[in-house]
Amino acid sequence: MSIINLSFIQITIILFFGISGLWFWIDKVLNFGNYLGTKNYSNNQTGEKK
């Protein structure tokens, strides 16, 4: 019983950190993409104004 409970706790911790880490990287990538998108958009706007 103790081994099953221990493995269940370990699996829960691994899943929790794995999901949180995956969400962190997804959020980071999306923010980076938005930054590039706004940067390119602002550059295009300044290019058109020139």
Protein backbone atom coordinates (compact mmCIF):
# COMPACT_ATOMS: atom_id res chain seq x y z
CA MET A 1 0.00 0.00 0.00
CA SER A 2 2.73 2.46 0.93
CA ILE A 3 4.55 1.84 -2.36
CA ILE A 4 1.35 2.48 -4.35
CA ASN A 5 0.65 5.67 -2.41
CA LEU A 6 4.24 6.85 -2.85
CA SER A 7 4.15 6.22 -6.60
CA PHE A 8 0.78 7.98 -6.84
CA ILE A 9 2.20 11.03 -5.03
CA GLN A 10 5.27 11.03 -7.27
CA ILE A 11 3.10 10.79 -10.41
CA THR A 12 0.90 13.64 -9.16
CA ILE A 13 3.92 15.86 -8.47
CA ILE A 14 5.50 15.04 -11.84
CA LEU A 15 2.24 15.74 -13.68
CA PHE A 16 1.73 19.01 -11.77
CA PHE A 17 5.23 20.31 -12.50
CA GLY A 18 5.11 19.01 -16.08
CA ILE A 19 1.82 20.77 -16.84
CA SER A 20 2.90 24.00 -15.12
CA GLY A 21 6.25 23.93 -16.94
CA LEU A 22 4.57 23.25 -20.28
CA TRP A 23 2.09 26.10 -19.71
CA PHE A 24 5.00 28.40 -18.73
CA TRP A 25 6.85 27.67 -21.98
CA ILE A 26 3.65 28.03 -24.05
CA ASP A 27 2.98 31.40 -22.41
CA LYS A 28 6.60 32.45 -23.02
CA VAL A 29 6.47 31.45 -26.70
CA LEU A 30 3.12 33.19 -27.23
CA ASN A 31 4.40 36.38 -25.59
CA PHE A 32 7.54 36.26 -27.77
CA GLY A 33 5.39 35.78 -30.88
CA ASN A 34 3.20 38.73 -29.89
CA TYR A 35 6.32 40.84 -29.30
CA LEU A 36 7.66 39.98 -32.76
CA GLY A 37 4.24 40.63 -34.30
CA THR A 38 3.90 44.07 -32.70
CA LYS A 39 7.53 44.89 -33.54
CA ASN A 40 7.06 43.98 -37.21
CA TYR A 41 3.75 45.84 -37.28
CA SER A 42 5.31 49.01 -35.82
CA ASN A 43 8.21 48.76 -38.29
CA ASN A 44 5.76 48.42 -41.18
CA GLN A 45 3.82 51.42 -39.90
CA THR A 46 6.95 53.59 -39.70
CA GLY A 47 8.02 52.35 -43.15
CA GLU A 48 4.68 53.36 -44.63
CA LYS A 49 4.84 56.78 -42.95
CA LYS A 50 8.28 57.39 -44.44
